[in-house]
Amino acid sequence: MDANITKRNELLAQKTIAGLKSRNMEGYYAASKEEALKIALDLIPEGSSISMGGGMSVHEIGLSEALKNGNYNFIDRDAYEDKRQAMLMAYDADYFLASCNAMTDDGILVNIDGNSNRVSAIAQGPKHVIFIVGMNKVCNDIDSAMKRARNVAAPINAQRFGLDTPCSKKGTCFNCKSPDTICCQILITRFSRHEGRISVILVNDNLGF
C-alpha cells in the first residue's frame, strides 16, 4: 500500500482506537493482513469455542482457515446440515468473529443483517466478539457510516447472494420492503457495557465490502 495512505491510516486508527476505548471497547491496529492474523490469534486462547457470521474480512486475513486447522473448537456453520443449530451454538461460544459494514472514526460500529443471527450475536450472547475491519470502512460520522452500510455494503452483499432486491439491480439503497431485503435489522454499537467483551482489529488494507 502507498506510504502516504499507510501514514493516514495509522493516524486515523489512533483516533479510532481512542474512540473505542472511550466506549469500553478495545482497539488494535495492524499494518498488514498478516499482522492482523497474529493479533487475532493472540487474543483467542487455544481450546476456545469460536463461531462467526459471514464476515469476508475474517476469511481475507486467513483467520477462519487458521482456526479450522488449529487447536480450537471452530463452529463451522457450513459443515452443519442444520444451519439453525450452528447459529444457536454461536450464542454460547467463547468468541464470535465478525466484520462490520461501517464504523465511525470515534468508535461506533454499524451492522445491517437479513437473518439477524450476526447482529444478535454481536449484541448479546458470546463471551467475546472480535471485529476484523479494513480501514476502508472507517467513516467520519454516523450518517456517513449508515450511508456506507446501506449504499455500499448492502447492494454488494445482495448481489453476492443473488437476491432479488432493488439495490442488487441499481447498486444503491431504495429503502425497500422486498421479501429478499437484507436490511431487516440495523445494529448500532455505541458502547459495550461489559469491559473487554468487544475488540476491533483495524487493518491497513481494503477488506470486505
N, C-alpha and C. Protein backbone atom coordinates (compact mmCIF):
# COMPACT_ATOMS: atom_id res chain seq x y z
N MET A 1 0.84 -1.19 0.00
CA MET A 1 0.00 0.00 0.00
C MET A 1 0.88 1.24 0.00
N ASP A 2 0.41 2.30 -0.66
CA ASP A 2 1.15 3.55 -0.76
C ASP A 2 1.50 4.08 0.64
N ALA A 3 2.74 4.59 0.79
CA ALA A 3 3.23 5.05 2.09
C ALA A 3 2.38 6.18 2.66
N ASN A 4 1.88 7.05 1.80
CA ASN A 4 1.05 8.16 2.27
C ASN A 4 -0.30 7.66 2.80
N ILE A 5 -0.87 6.65 2.12
CA ILE A 5 -2.12 6.08 2.59
C ILE A 5 -1.90 5.36 3.92
N THR A 6 -0.78 4.65 4.02
CA THR A 6 -0.46 3.95 5.26
C THR A 6 -0.33 4.92 6.42
N LYS A 7 0.36 6.05 6.20
CA LYS A 7 0.52 7.04 7.26
C LYS A 7 -0.83 7.60 7.67
N ARG A 8 -1.67 7.91 6.69
CA ARG A 8 -3.01 8.40 7.00
C ARG A 8 -3.79 7.38 7.80
N ASN A 9 -3.72 6.10 7.41
CA ASN A 9 -4.43 5.04 8.11
C ASN A 9 -3.94 4.89 9.55
N GLU A 10 -2.63 5.01 9.75
CA GLU A 10 -2.07 4.91 11.10
C GLU A 10 -2.63 6.01 12.00
N LEU A 11 -2.67 7.23 11.48
CA LEU A 11 -3.16 8.36 12.26
C LEU A 11 -4.66 8.23 12.53
N LEU A 12 -5.41 7.82 11.51
CA LEU A 12 -6.85 7.64 11.68
C LEU A 12 -7.14 6.51 12.66
N ALA A 13 -6.35 5.46 12.59
CA ALA A 13 -6.54 4.32 13.50
C ALA A 13 -6.31 4.74 14.95
N GLN A 14 -5.33 5.60 15.19
CA GLN A 14 -5.08 6.08 16.55
C GLN A 14 -6.31 6.78 17.12
N LYS A 15 -6.93 7.63 16.30
CA LYS A 15 -8.15 8.33 16.72
C LYS A 15 -9.27 7.34 16.98
N THR A 16 -9.41 6.36 16.08
CA THR A 16 -10.50 5.39 16.20
C THR A 16 -10.32 4.50 17.42
N ILE A 17 -9.09 4.10 17.70
CA ILE A 17 -8.80 3.27 18.87
C ILE A 17 -9.11 4.03 20.15
N ALA A 18 -8.79 5.32 20.17
CA ALA A 18 -9.13 6.15 21.34
C ALA A 18 -10.65 6.23 21.51
N GLY A 19 -11.36 6.35 20.39
CA GLY A 19 -12.82 6.37 20.44
C GLY A 19 -13.39 5.07 20.96
N LEU A 20 -12.83 3.96 20.52
CA LEU A 20 -13.27 2.65 21.01
C LEU A 20 -13.04 2.53 22.52
N LYS A 21 -11.87 2.99 22.98
CA LYS A 21 -11.57 2.91 24.41
C LYS A 21 -12.58 3.70 25.22
N SER A 22 -12.99 4.87 24.71
CA SER A 22 -13.97 5.69 25.43
C SER A 22 -15.34 5.01 25.48
N ARG A 23 -15.54 4.01 24.63
CA ARG A 23 -16.80 3.28 24.57
C ARG A 23 -16.68 1.88 25.18
N ASN A 24 -15.62 1.68 25.97
CA ASN A 24 -15.41 0.42 26.70
C ASN A 24 -15.11 -0.75 25.78
N MET A 25 -14.49 -0.45 24.62
CA MET A 25 -14.09 -1.48 23.67
C MET A 25 -12.59 -1.36 23.41
N GLU A 26 -11.97 -2.46 23.04
CA GLU A 26 -10.53 -2.48 22.78
C GLU A 26 -10.27 -2.33 21.28
N GLY A 27 -9.26 -1.55 20.94
CA GLY A 27 -8.88 -1.38 19.55
C GLY A 27 -7.42 -1.72 19.31
N TYR A 28 -7.14 -2.28 18.15
CA TYR A 28 -5.78 -2.65 17.75
C TYR A 28 -5.58 -2.21 16.30
N TYR A 29 -4.34 -1.90 15.96
CA TYR A 29 -4.03 -1.55 14.57
C TYR A 29 -3.03 -2.54 14.01
N ALA A 30 -3.33 -3.06 12.83
CA ALA A 30 -2.43 -4.00 12.14
C ALA A 30 -1.98 -3.37 10.83
N ALA A 31 -0.69 -3.34 10.61
CA ALA A 31 -0.13 -2.74 9.40
C ALA A 31 -0.35 -3.60 8.16
N SER A 32 -0.75 -4.86 8.36
CA SER A 32 -0.94 -5.79 7.24
C SER A 32 -1.93 -6.87 7.65
N LYS A 33 -2.38 -7.65 6.67
CA LYS A 33 -3.26 -8.79 6.95
C LYS A 33 -2.55 -9.80 7.86
N GLU A 34 -1.27 -10.00 7.60
CA GLU A 34 -0.51 -10.97 8.39
C GLU A 34 -0.44 -10.55 9.86
N GLU A 35 -0.24 -9.26 10.08
CA GLU A 35 -0.19 -8.75 11.45
C GLU A 35 -1.56 -8.85 12.11
N ALA A 36 -2.61 -8.60 11.33
CA ALA A 36 -3.97 -8.72 11.87
C ALA A 36 -4.25 -10.16 12.31
N LEU A 37 -3.80 -11.12 11.51
CA LEU A 37 -3.98 -12.52 11.85
C LEU A 37 -3.27 -12.85 13.17
N LYS A 38 -2.04 -12.35 13.33
CA LYS A 38 -1.28 -12.61 14.55
C LYS A 38 -1.98 -12.02 15.77
N ILE A 39 -2.46 -10.79 15.65
CA ILE A 39 -3.15 -10.15 16.77
C ILE A 39 -4.39 -10.96 17.16
N ALA A 40 -5.17 -11.38 16.16
CA ALA A 40 -6.38 -12.14 16.43
C ALA A 40 -6.07 -13.45 17.14
N LEU A 41 -5.07 -14.16 16.66
CA LEU A 41 -4.71 -15.44 17.28
C LEU A 41 -4.15 -15.25 18.68
N ASP A 42 -3.49 -14.12 18.92
CA ASP A 42 -3.01 -13.83 20.28
C ASP A 42 -4.17 -13.57 21.24
N LEU A 43 -5.28 -13.08 20.71
CA LEU A 43 -6.44 -12.77 21.55
C LEU A 43 -7.28 -14.00 21.87
N ILE A 44 -7.15 -15.06 21.05
CA ILE A 44 -8.01 -16.24 21.21
C ILE A 44 -7.19 -17.41 21.77
N PRO A 45 -7.42 -17.81 23.00
CA PRO A 45 -6.67 -18.94 23.57
C PRO A 45 -7.02 -20.25 22.85
N GLU A 46 -6.05 -21.12 22.74
CA GLU A 46 -6.32 -22.45 22.19
C GLU A 46 -7.37 -23.16 23.04
N GLY A 47 -8.18 -23.96 22.38
CA GLY A 47 -9.26 -24.67 23.07
C GLY A 47 -10.56 -23.90 23.13
N SER A 48 -10.54 -22.64 22.71
CA SER A 48 -11.75 -21.82 22.75
C SER A 48 -12.77 -22.30 21.72
N SER A 49 -14.05 -22.10 22.05
CA SER A 49 -15.11 -22.32 21.08
C SER A 49 -15.34 -21.01 20.32
N ILE A 50 -15.45 -21.12 19.00
CA ILE A 50 -15.48 -19.93 18.14
C ILE A 50 -16.55 -20.10 17.07
N SER A 51 -17.32 -19.04 16.88
CA SER A 51 -18.29 -19.01 15.79
C SER A 51 -18.12 -17.70 15.04
N MET A 52 -18.83 -17.56 13.94
CA MET A 52 -18.72 -16.33 13.17
C MET A 52 -19.95 -16.15 12.30
N GLY A 53 -20.13 -14.91 11.84
CA GLY A 53 -21.14 -14.62 10.83
C GLY A 53 -20.53 -14.87 9.46
N GLY A 54 -20.97 -14.10 8.49
CA GLY A 54 -20.45 -14.30 7.14
C GLY A 54 -19.35 -13.32 6.78
N GLY A 55 -18.59 -12.84 7.78
CA GLY A 55 -17.61 -11.79 7.57
C GLY A 55 -16.51 -12.15 6.57
N MET A 56 -16.51 -11.50 5.41
CA MET A 56 -15.48 -11.75 4.41
C MET A 56 -14.09 -11.36 4.92
N SER A 57 -14.03 -10.31 5.73
CA SER A 57 -12.74 -9.83 6.22
C SER A 57 -12.03 -10.88 7.08
N VAL A 58 -12.83 -11.67 7.82
CA VAL A 58 -12.26 -12.75 8.64
C VAL A 58 -11.57 -13.76 7.74
N HIS A 59 -12.20 -14.07 6.61
CA HIS A 59 -11.59 -15.00 5.65
C HIS A 59 -10.38 -14.38 4.97
N GLU A 60 -10.46 -13.11 4.65
CA GLU A 60 -9.41 -12.45 3.87
C GLU A 60 -8.08 -12.37 4.60
N ILE A 61 -8.10 -12.29 5.92
CA ILE A 61 -6.82 -12.27 6.65
C ILE A 61 -6.34 -13.68 7.00
N GLY A 62 -7.12 -14.70 6.63
CA GLY A 62 -6.73 -16.09 6.88
C GLY A 62 -7.09 -16.61 8.25
N LEU A 63 -7.94 -15.86 8.98
CA LEU A 63 -8.25 -16.25 10.36
C LEU A 63 -9.14 -17.49 10.43
N SER A 64 -10.17 -17.56 9.61
CA SER A 64 -11.06 -18.72 9.67
C SER A 64 -10.32 -20.00 9.35
N GLU A 65 -9.43 -19.94 8.36
CA GLU A 65 -8.66 -21.13 7.99
C GLU A 65 -7.70 -21.54 9.10
N ALA A 66 -7.06 -20.56 9.74
CA ALA A 66 -6.13 -20.85 10.83
C ALA A 66 -6.85 -21.50 12.01
N LEU A 67 -8.06 -21.06 12.29
CA LEU A 67 -8.82 -21.63 13.40
C LEU A 67 -9.32 -23.03 13.09
N LYS A 68 -9.73 -23.25 11.84
CA LYS A 68 -10.18 -24.59 11.43
C LYS A 68 -9.04 -25.60 11.56
N ASN A 69 -7.83 -25.17 11.27
CA ASN A 69 -6.68 -26.07 11.28
C ASN A 69 -5.93 -26.09 12.60
N GLY A 70 -6.36 -25.27 13.55
CA GLY A 70 -5.66 -25.18 14.83
C GLY A 70 -6.38 -25.93 15.94
N ASN A 71 -5.89 -25.73 17.15
CA ASN A 71 -6.43 -26.40 18.33
C ASN A 71 -7.57 -25.58 18.92
N TYR A 72 -8.66 -25.51 18.17
CA TYR A 72 -9.81 -24.71 18.57
C TYR A 72 -11.09 -25.50 18.26
N ASN A 73 -12.16 -25.14 18.94
CA ASN A 73 -13.47 -25.69 18.62
C ASN A 73 -14.16 -24.68 17.71
N PHE A 74 -13.87 -24.78 16.41
CA PHE A 74 -14.42 -23.84 15.45
C PHE A 74 -15.76 -24.35 14.95
N ILE A 75 -16.80 -23.58 15.20
CA ILE A 75 -18.16 -23.97 14.80
C ILE A 75 -18.38 -23.48 13.37
N ASP A 76 -18.15 -24.36 12.43
CA ASP A 76 -18.27 -24.01 11.01
C ASP A 76 -19.69 -24.30 10.55
N ARG A 77 -20.50 -23.26 10.43
CA ARG A 77 -21.91 -23.49 10.11
C ARG A 77 -22.10 -24.12 8.73
N ASP A 78 -21.12 -23.93 7.83
CA ASP A 78 -21.22 -24.55 6.51
C ASP A 78 -21.13 -26.06 6.59
N ALA A 79 -20.58 -26.57 7.70
CA ALA A 79 -20.44 -28.01 7.87
C ALA A 79 -21.67 -28.64 8.52
N TYR A 80 -22.63 -27.81 8.92
CA TYR A 80 -23.83 -28.30 9.59
C TYR A 80 -24.99 -28.39 8.61
N GLU A 81 -25.65 -29.54 8.60
CA GLU A 81 -26.86 -29.66 7.78
C GLU A 81 -27.96 -28.77 8.35
N ASP A 82 -28.03 -28.72 9.69
CA ASP A 82 -29.00 -27.86 10.37
C ASP A 82 -28.32 -26.53 10.68
N LYS A 83 -28.49 -25.54 9.80
CA LYS A 83 -27.84 -24.24 9.98
C LYS A 83 -28.32 -23.55 11.24
N ARG A 84 -29.58 -23.73 11.57
CA ARG A 84 -30.12 -23.09 12.78
C ARG A 84 -29.38 -23.58 14.02
N GLN A 85 -29.07 -24.86 14.06
CA GLN A 85 -28.34 -25.41 15.21
C GLN A 85 -26.99 -24.71 15.35
N ALA A 86 -26.30 -24.55 14.23
CA ALA A 86 -24.99 -23.89 14.27
C ALA A 86 -25.12 -22.44 14.71
N MET A 87 -26.15 -21.75 14.23
CA MET A 87 -26.35 -20.36 14.61
C MET A 87 -26.65 -20.23 16.09
N LEU A 88 -27.44 -21.14 16.63
CA LEU A 88 -27.76 -21.09 18.06
C LEU A 88 -26.54 -21.38 18.92
N MET A 89 -25.65 -22.23 18.44
CA MET A 89 -24.43 -22.53 19.18
C MET A 89 -23.54 -21.30 19.33
N ALA A 90 -23.68 -20.36 18.41
CA ALA A 90 -22.86 -19.15 18.46
C ALA A 90 -23.09 -18.35 19.73
N TYR A 91 -24.32 -18.39 20.25
CA TYR A 91 -24.65 -17.55 21.41
C TYR A 91 -23.94 -17.98 22.68
N ASP A 92 -23.46 -19.21 22.71
CA ASP A 92 -22.75 -19.68 23.90
C ASP A 92 -21.26 -19.87 23.63
N ALA A 93 -20.78 -19.35 22.50
CA ALA A 93 -19.37 -19.51 22.14
C ALA A 93 -18.49 -18.58 22.98
N ASP A 94 -17.23 -18.97 23.11
CA ASP A 94 -16.27 -18.10 23.79
C ASP A 94 -15.98 -16.86 22.96
N TYR A 95 -15.92 -17.04 21.63
CA TYR A 95 -15.59 -15.94 20.74
C TYR A 95 -16.50 -15.95 19.52
N PHE A 96 -16.94 -14.77 19.11
CA PHE A 96 -17.69 -14.59 17.88
C PHE A 96 -16.90 -13.64 16.99
N LEU A 97 -16.70 -14.04 15.72
CA LEU A 97 -15.90 -13.25 14.79
C LEU A 97 -16.81 -12.56 13.79
N ALA A 98 -16.48 -11.32 13.47
CA ALA A 98 -17.31 -10.58 12.52
C ALA A 98 -16.49 -9.46 11.91
N SER A 99 -17.02 -8.88 10.87
CA SER A 99 -16.56 -7.58 10.43
C SER A 99 -17.70 -6.63 10.71
N CYS A 100 -17.61 -5.41 10.20
CA CYS A 100 -18.75 -4.51 10.31
C CYS A 100 -18.97 -3.90 8.93
N ASN A 101 -20.18 -3.42 8.71
CA ASN A 101 -20.48 -2.80 7.42
C ASN A 101 -19.88 -1.41 7.33
N ALA A 102 -19.74 -0.76 8.48
CA ALA A 102 -19.11 0.56 8.55
C ALA A 102 -18.90 0.88 10.02
N MET A 103 -17.99 1.84 10.28
CA MET A 103 -17.82 2.34 11.63
C MET A 103 -17.37 3.78 11.57
N THR A 104 -17.56 4.51 12.66
CA THR A 104 -17.14 5.89 12.71
C THR A 104 -15.72 5.99 13.26
N ASP A 105 -15.08 7.12 13.01
CA ASP A 105 -13.71 7.28 13.48
C ASP A 105 -13.65 7.56 14.98
N ASP A 106 -14.82 7.64 15.65
CA ASP A 106 -14.80 7.71 17.12
C ASP A 106 -15.37 6.45 17.75
N GLY A 107 -15.42 5.35 16.97
CA GLY A 107 -15.63 4.04 17.56
C GLY A 107 -17.03 3.46 17.56
N ILE A 108 -17.95 4.02 16.79
CA ILE A 108 -19.31 3.45 16.71
C ILE A 108 -19.36 2.46 15.55
N LEU A 109 -19.89 1.28 15.80
CA LEU A 109 -19.97 0.21 14.81
C LEU A 109 -21.38 0.11 14.24
N VAL A 110 -21.49 -0.04 12.92
CA VAL A 110 -22.78 -0.14 12.25
C VAL A 110 -22.85 -1.47 11.49
N ASN A 111 -23.90 -2.23 11.75
CA ASN A 111 -24.09 -3.52 11.07
C ASN A 111 -25.53 -3.70 10.64
N ILE A 112 -25.71 -4.17 9.41
CA ILE A 112 -27.03 -4.46 8.85
C ILE A 112 -27.11 -5.96 8.57
N ASP A 113 -28.27 -6.56 8.84
CA ASP A 113 -28.38 -8.01 8.73
C ASP A 113 -29.74 -8.42 8.21
N GLY A 114 -29.76 -9.53 7.47
CA GLY A 114 -31.01 -10.07 6.95
C GLY A 114 -31.59 -11.10 7.90
N ASN A 115 -30.87 -12.21 8.12
CA ASN A 115 -31.34 -13.24 9.05
C ASN A 115 -31.19 -12.81 10.50
N SER A 116 -30.31 -11.86 10.74
CA SER A 116 -30.12 -11.23 12.05
C SER A 116 -29.36 -12.08 13.05
N ASN A 117 -28.87 -13.25 12.64
CA ASN A 117 -28.06 -14.04 13.56
C ASN A 117 -26.75 -13.33 13.90
N ARG A 118 -26.21 -12.59 12.95
CA ARG A 118 -24.94 -11.90 13.18
C ARG A 118 -25.12 -10.73 14.16
N VAL A 119 -26.09 -9.86 13.89
CA VAL A 119 -26.24 -8.70 14.76
C VAL A 119 -26.71 -9.10 16.16
N SER A 120 -27.51 -10.16 16.25
CA SER A 120 -27.96 -10.59 17.57
C SER A 120 -26.81 -11.15 18.40
N ALA A 121 -25.89 -11.87 17.75
CA ALA A 121 -24.73 -12.41 18.47
C ALA A 121 -23.76 -11.30 18.87
N ILE A 122 -23.64 -10.28 18.03
CA ILE A 122 -22.81 -9.14 18.39
C ILE A 122 -23.36 -8.46 19.64
N ALA A 123 -24.69 -8.30 19.68
CA ALA A 123 -25.32 -7.57 20.77
C ALA A 123 -25.33 -8.36 22.08
N GLN A 124 -25.49 -9.68 22.00
CA GLN A 124 -25.73 -10.47 23.21
C GLN A 124 -25.37 -11.93 22.98
N GLY A 125 -24.74 -12.55 23.97
CA GLY A 125 -24.52 -13.99 23.90
C GLY A 125 -23.06 -14.38 24.05
N PRO A 126 -22.30 -14.41 22.94
CA PRO A 126 -20.90 -14.85 23.03
C PRO A 126 -20.12 -14.06 24.07
N LYS A 127 -19.18 -14.72 24.70
CA LYS A 127 -18.41 -14.06 25.77
C LYS A 127 -17.53 -12.94 25.22
N HIS A 128 -17.01 -13.12 24.01
CA HIS A 128 -16.16 -12.12 23.38
C HIS A 128 -16.55 -11.97 21.91
N VAL A 129 -16.41 -10.76 21.39
CA VAL A 129 -16.63 -10.50 19.97
C VAL A 129 -15.39 -9.81 19.42
N ILE A 130 -14.86 -10.35 18.33
CA ILE A 130 -13.70 -9.75 17.67
C ILE A 130 -14.09 -9.31 16.27
N PHE A 131 -13.92 -8.03 15.99
CA PHE A 131 -14.18 -7.49 14.66
C PHE A 131 -12.87 -7.34 13.89
N ILE A 132 -12.89 -7.75 12.63
CA ILE A 132 -11.79 -7.50 11.70
C ILE A 132 -12.28 -6.43 10.73
N VAL A 133 -11.65 -5.26 10.73
CA VAL A 133 -12.20 -4.13 9.98
C VAL A 133 -11.10 -3.47 9.14
N GLY A 134 -11.28 -3.49 7.83
CA GLY A 134 -10.38 -2.75 6.95
C GLY A 134 -10.58 -1.26 7.13
N MET A 135 -9.52 -0.48 6.94
CA MET A 135 -9.61 0.96 7.12
C MET A 135 -10.54 1.61 6.10
N ASN A 136 -10.86 0.89 5.04
CA ASN A 136 -11.83 1.41 4.05
C ASN A 136 -13.23 1.57 4.61
N LYS A 137 -13.49 0.97 5.78
CA LYS A 137 -14.84 1.04 6.36
C LYS A 137 -14.98 2.12 7.42
N VAL A 138 -13.92 2.85 7.69
CA VAL A 138 -13.97 3.89 8.73
C VAL A 138 -14.48 5.19 8.12
N CYS A 139 -15.56 5.72 8.69
CA CYS A 139 -16.22 6.93 8.20
C CYS A 139 -16.14 8.03 9.26
N ASN A 140 -16.42 9.25 8.85
CA ASN A 140 -16.20 10.35 9.79
C ASN A 140 -17.38 10.67 10.70
N ASP A 141 -18.55 10.07 10.46
CA ASP A 141 -19.67 10.27 11.39
C ASP A 141 -20.71 9.17 11.17
N ILE A 142 -21.72 9.16 12.03
CA ILE A 142 -22.71 8.09 11.98
C ILE A 142 -23.53 8.14 10.70
N ASP A 143 -23.80 9.35 10.19
CA ASP A 143 -24.59 9.47 8.96
C ASP A 143 -23.84 8.84 7.78
N SER A 144 -22.54 9.14 7.65
CA SER A 144 -21.77 8.58 6.54
C SER A 144 -21.57 7.08 6.72
N ALA A 145 -21.49 6.61 7.98
CA ALA A 145 -21.38 5.17 8.23
C ALA A 145 -22.66 4.45 7.82
N MET A 146 -23.81 5.04 8.14
CA MET A 146 -25.08 4.45 7.74
C MET A 146 -25.22 4.44 6.21
N LYS A 147 -24.80 5.52 5.57
CA LYS A 147 -24.88 5.58 4.12
C LYS A 147 -23.98 4.53 3.49
N ARG A 148 -22.80 4.35 4.05
CA ARG A 148 -21.90 3.32 3.52
C ARG A 148 -22.52 1.93 3.68
N ALA A 149 -23.05 1.66 4.85
CA ALA A 149 -23.65 0.34 5.11
C ALA A 149 -24.79 0.05 4.14
N ARG A 150 -25.62 1.05 3.88
CA ARG A 150 -26.82 0.82 3.08
C ARG A 150 -26.58 0.95 1.58
N ASN A 151 -25.63 1.79 1.18
CA ASN A 151 -25.43 2.06 -0.24
C ASN A 151 -24.20 1.40 -0.85
N VAL A 152 -23.32 0.86 0.00
CA VAL A 152 -22.14 0.15 -0.50
C VAL A 152 -22.21 -1.33 -0.10
N ALA A 153 -22.22 -1.58 1.21
CA ALA A 153 -22.17 -2.96 1.69
C ALA A 153 -23.42 -3.76 1.32
N ALA A 154 -24.60 -3.18 1.56
CA ALA A 154 -25.84 -3.93 1.33
C ALA A 154 -26.04 -4.31 -0.14
N PRO A 155 -25.87 -3.38 -1.11
CA PRO A 155 -26.04 -3.79 -2.51
C PRO A 155 -25.06 -4.86 -2.95
N ILE A 156 -23.80 -4.75 -2.51
CA ILE A 156 -22.80 -5.74 -2.90
C ILE A 156 -23.16 -7.11 -2.32
N ASN A 157 -23.57 -7.14 -1.07
CA ASN A 157 -23.95 -8.42 -0.46
C ASN A 157 -25.20 -8.99 -1.10
N ALA A 158 -26.15 -8.13 -1.45
CA ALA A 158 -27.35 -8.62 -2.13
C ALA A 158 -27.00 -9.24 -3.48
N GLN A 159 -26.06 -8.62 -4.19
CA GLN A 159 -25.59 -9.17 -5.47
C GLN A 159 -24.84 -10.48 -5.24
N ARG A 160 -24.02 -10.51 -4.19
CA ARG A 160 -23.22 -11.70 -3.89
C ARG A 160 -24.10 -12.91 -3.60
N PHE A 161 -25.23 -12.68 -2.94
CA PHE A 161 -26.13 -13.78 -2.59
C PHE A 161 -27.21 -14.01 -3.64
N GLY A 162 -27.18 -13.24 -4.73
CA GLY A 162 -28.15 -13.42 -5.80
C GLY A 162 -29.57 -13.08 -5.40
N LEU A 163 -29.72 -12.04 -4.59
CA LEU A 163 -31.04 -11.67 -4.08
C LEU A 163 -31.77 -10.73 -5.03
N ASP A 164 -33.08 -10.84 -5.03
CA ASP A 164 -33.91 -10.03 -5.92
C ASP A 164 -34.36 -8.77 -5.18
N THR A 165 -33.45 -7.81 -5.07
CA THR A 165 -33.76 -6.55 -4.40
C THR A 165 -33.45 -5.39 -5.35
N PRO A 166 -34.08 -4.24 -5.14
CA PRO A 166 -33.76 -3.09 -5.99
C PRO A 166 -32.28 -2.71 -5.94
N CYS A 167 -31.68 -2.82 -4.76
CA CYS A 167 -30.27 -2.41 -4.64
C CYS A 167 -29.34 -3.33 -5.43
N SER A 168 -29.73 -4.61 -5.57
CA SER A 168 -28.88 -5.53 -6.33
C SER A 168 -28.92 -5.20 -7.82
N LYS A 169 -30.00 -4.54 -8.25
CA LYS A 169 -30.14 -4.19 -9.67
C LYS A 169 -29.61 -2.79 -9.97
N LYS A 170 -29.75 -1.88 -9.01
CA LYS A 170 -29.39 -0.48 -9.25
C LYS A 170 -28.12 -0.04 -8.53
N GLY A 171 -27.67 -0.84 -7.55
CA GLY A 171 -26.42 -0.53 -6.88
C GLY A 171 -26.51 0.48 -5.76
N THR A 172 -27.73 0.84 -5.35
CA THR A 172 -27.89 1.78 -4.25
C THR A 172 -29.17 1.45 -3.49
N CYS A 173 -29.28 1.95 -2.27
CA CYS A 173 -30.41 1.60 -1.41
C CYS A 173 -31.70 2.30 -1.86
N PHE A 174 -32.80 1.54 -1.85
CA PHE A 174 -34.12 2.09 -2.15
C PHE A 174 -35.03 2.04 -0.92
N ASN A 175 -34.44 1.74 0.25
CA ASN A 175 -35.23 1.63 1.48
C ASN A 175 -36.41 0.68 1.27
N CYS A 176 -36.14 -0.44 0.62
CA CYS A 176 -37.20 -1.33 0.14
C CYS A 176 -37.77 -2.22 1.24
N LYS A 177 -38.90 -2.82 0.93
CA LYS A 177 -39.51 -3.85 1.77
C LYS A 177 -39.63 -5.15 0.96
N SER A 178 -38.66 -5.36 0.11
CA SER A 178 -38.63 -6.56 -0.70
C SER A 178 -38.56 -7.80 0.19
N PRO A 179 -39.20 -8.91 -0.19
CA PRO A 179 -39.07 -10.15 0.59
C PRO A 179 -37.62 -10.60 0.73
N ASP A 180 -36.75 -10.19 -0.19
CA ASP A 180 -35.35 -10.59 -0.15
C ASP A 180 -34.46 -9.58 0.57
N THR A 181 -35.04 -8.50 1.10
CA THR A 181 -34.20 -7.46 1.68
C THR A 181 -33.25 -8.02 2.74
N ILE A 182 -32.03 -7.51 2.76
CA ILE A 182 -31.08 -7.91 3.80
C ILE A 182 -30.94 -6.81 4.85
N CYS A 183 -31.74 -5.76 4.72
CA CYS A 183 -31.73 -4.67 5.70
C CYS A 183 -32.89 -4.84 6.68
N CYS A 184 -32.93 -6.00 7.34
CA CYS A 184 -34.02 -6.29 8.27
C CYS A 184 -33.74 -5.72 9.66
N GLN A 185 -32.52 -5.86 10.10
CA GLN A 185 -32.12 -5.37 11.41
C GLN A 185 -30.87 -4.50 11.25
N ILE A 186 -30.88 -3.34 11.87
CA ILE A 186 -29.72 -2.45 11.87
C ILE A 186 -29.25 -2.29 13.30
N LEU A 187 -28.00 -2.66 13.55
CA LEU A 187 -27.43 -2.58 14.90
C LEU A 187 -26.37 -1.50 14.95
N ILE A 188 -26.54 -0.55 15.86
CA ILE A 188 -25.54 0.48 16.11
C ILE A 188 -24.94 0.20 17.48
N THR A 189 -23.67 -0.14 17.50
CA THR A 189 -22.98 -0.45 18.76
C THR A 189 -22.18 0.79 19.16
N ARG A 190 -22.67 1.51 20.14
CA ARG A 190 -22.05 2.77 20.55
C ARG A 190 -21.34 2.66 21.90
N PHE A 191 -21.55 1.55 22.62
CA PHE A 191 -20.90 1.35 23.91
C PHE A 191 -21.02 -0.12 24.28
N SER A 192 -20.01 -0.64 24.96
CA SER A 192 -20.07 -2.00 25.47
C SER A 192 -20.17 -1.96 26.98
N ARG A 193 -21.25 -2.46 27.52
CA ARG A 193 -21.41 -2.44 28.98
C ARG A 193 -20.39 -3.34 29.66
N HIS A 194 -19.94 -4.38 28.94
CA HIS A 194 -19.03 -5.37 29.53
C HIS A 194 -17.61 -5.12 29.02
N GLU A 195 -16.78 -4.62 29.90
CA GLU A 195 -15.40 -4.28 29.54
C GLU A 195 -14.65 -5.51 29.04
N GLY A 196 -13.96 -5.36 27.91
CA GLY A 196 -13.16 -6.44 27.36
C GLY A 196 -13.93 -7.40 26.48
N ARG A 197 -15.26 -7.21 26.34
CA ARG A 197 -16.03 -8.15 25.51
C ARG A 197 -15.79 -7.91 24.03
N ILE A 198 -15.73 -6.66 23.60
CA ILE A 198 -15.61 -6.34 22.18
C ILE A 198 -14.22 -5.79 21.86
N SER A 199 -13.58 -6.41 20.87
CA SER A 199 -12.28 -5.96 20.38
C SER A 199 -12.39 -5.70 18.88
N VAL A 200 -11.72 -4.66 18.41
CA VAL A 200 -11.74 -4.32 16.99
C VAL A 200 -10.30 -4.25 16.49
N ILE A 201 -10.00 -5.06 15.48
CA ILE A 201 -8.67 -5.02 14.84
C ILE A 201 -8.81 -4.25 13.54
N LEU A 202 -8.23 -3.06 13.50
CA LEU A 202 -8.24 -2.22 12.31
C LEU A 202 -7.05 -2.61 11.43
N VAL A 203 -7.31 -2.84 10.16
CA VAL A 203 -6.28 -3.37 9.25
C VAL A 203 -5.97 -2.37 8.15
N ASN A 204 -4.70 -2.13 7.95
CA ASN A 204 -4.23 -1.22 6.90
C ASN A 204 -4.40 -1.88 5.53
N ASP A 205 -5.67 -2.05 5.13
CA ASP A 205 -5.97 -2.70 3.86
C ASP A 205 -7.44 -2.45 3.56
N ASN A 206 -7.82 -2.69 2.31
CA ASN A 206 -9.23 -2.65 1.93
C ASN A 206 -9.79 -4.06 2.05
N LEU A 207 -10.64 -4.26 3.05
CA LEU A 207 -11.19 -5.59 3.32
C LEU A 207 -12.70 -5.56 3.21
N GLY A 208 -13.27 -6.68 2.78
CA GLY A 208 -14.71 -6.83 2.74
C GLY A 208 -15.38 -5.85 1.80
N PHE A 209 -16.64 -5.55 2.12
CA PHE A 209 -17.45 -4.70 1.24
C PHE A 209 -17.96 -3.49 2.01
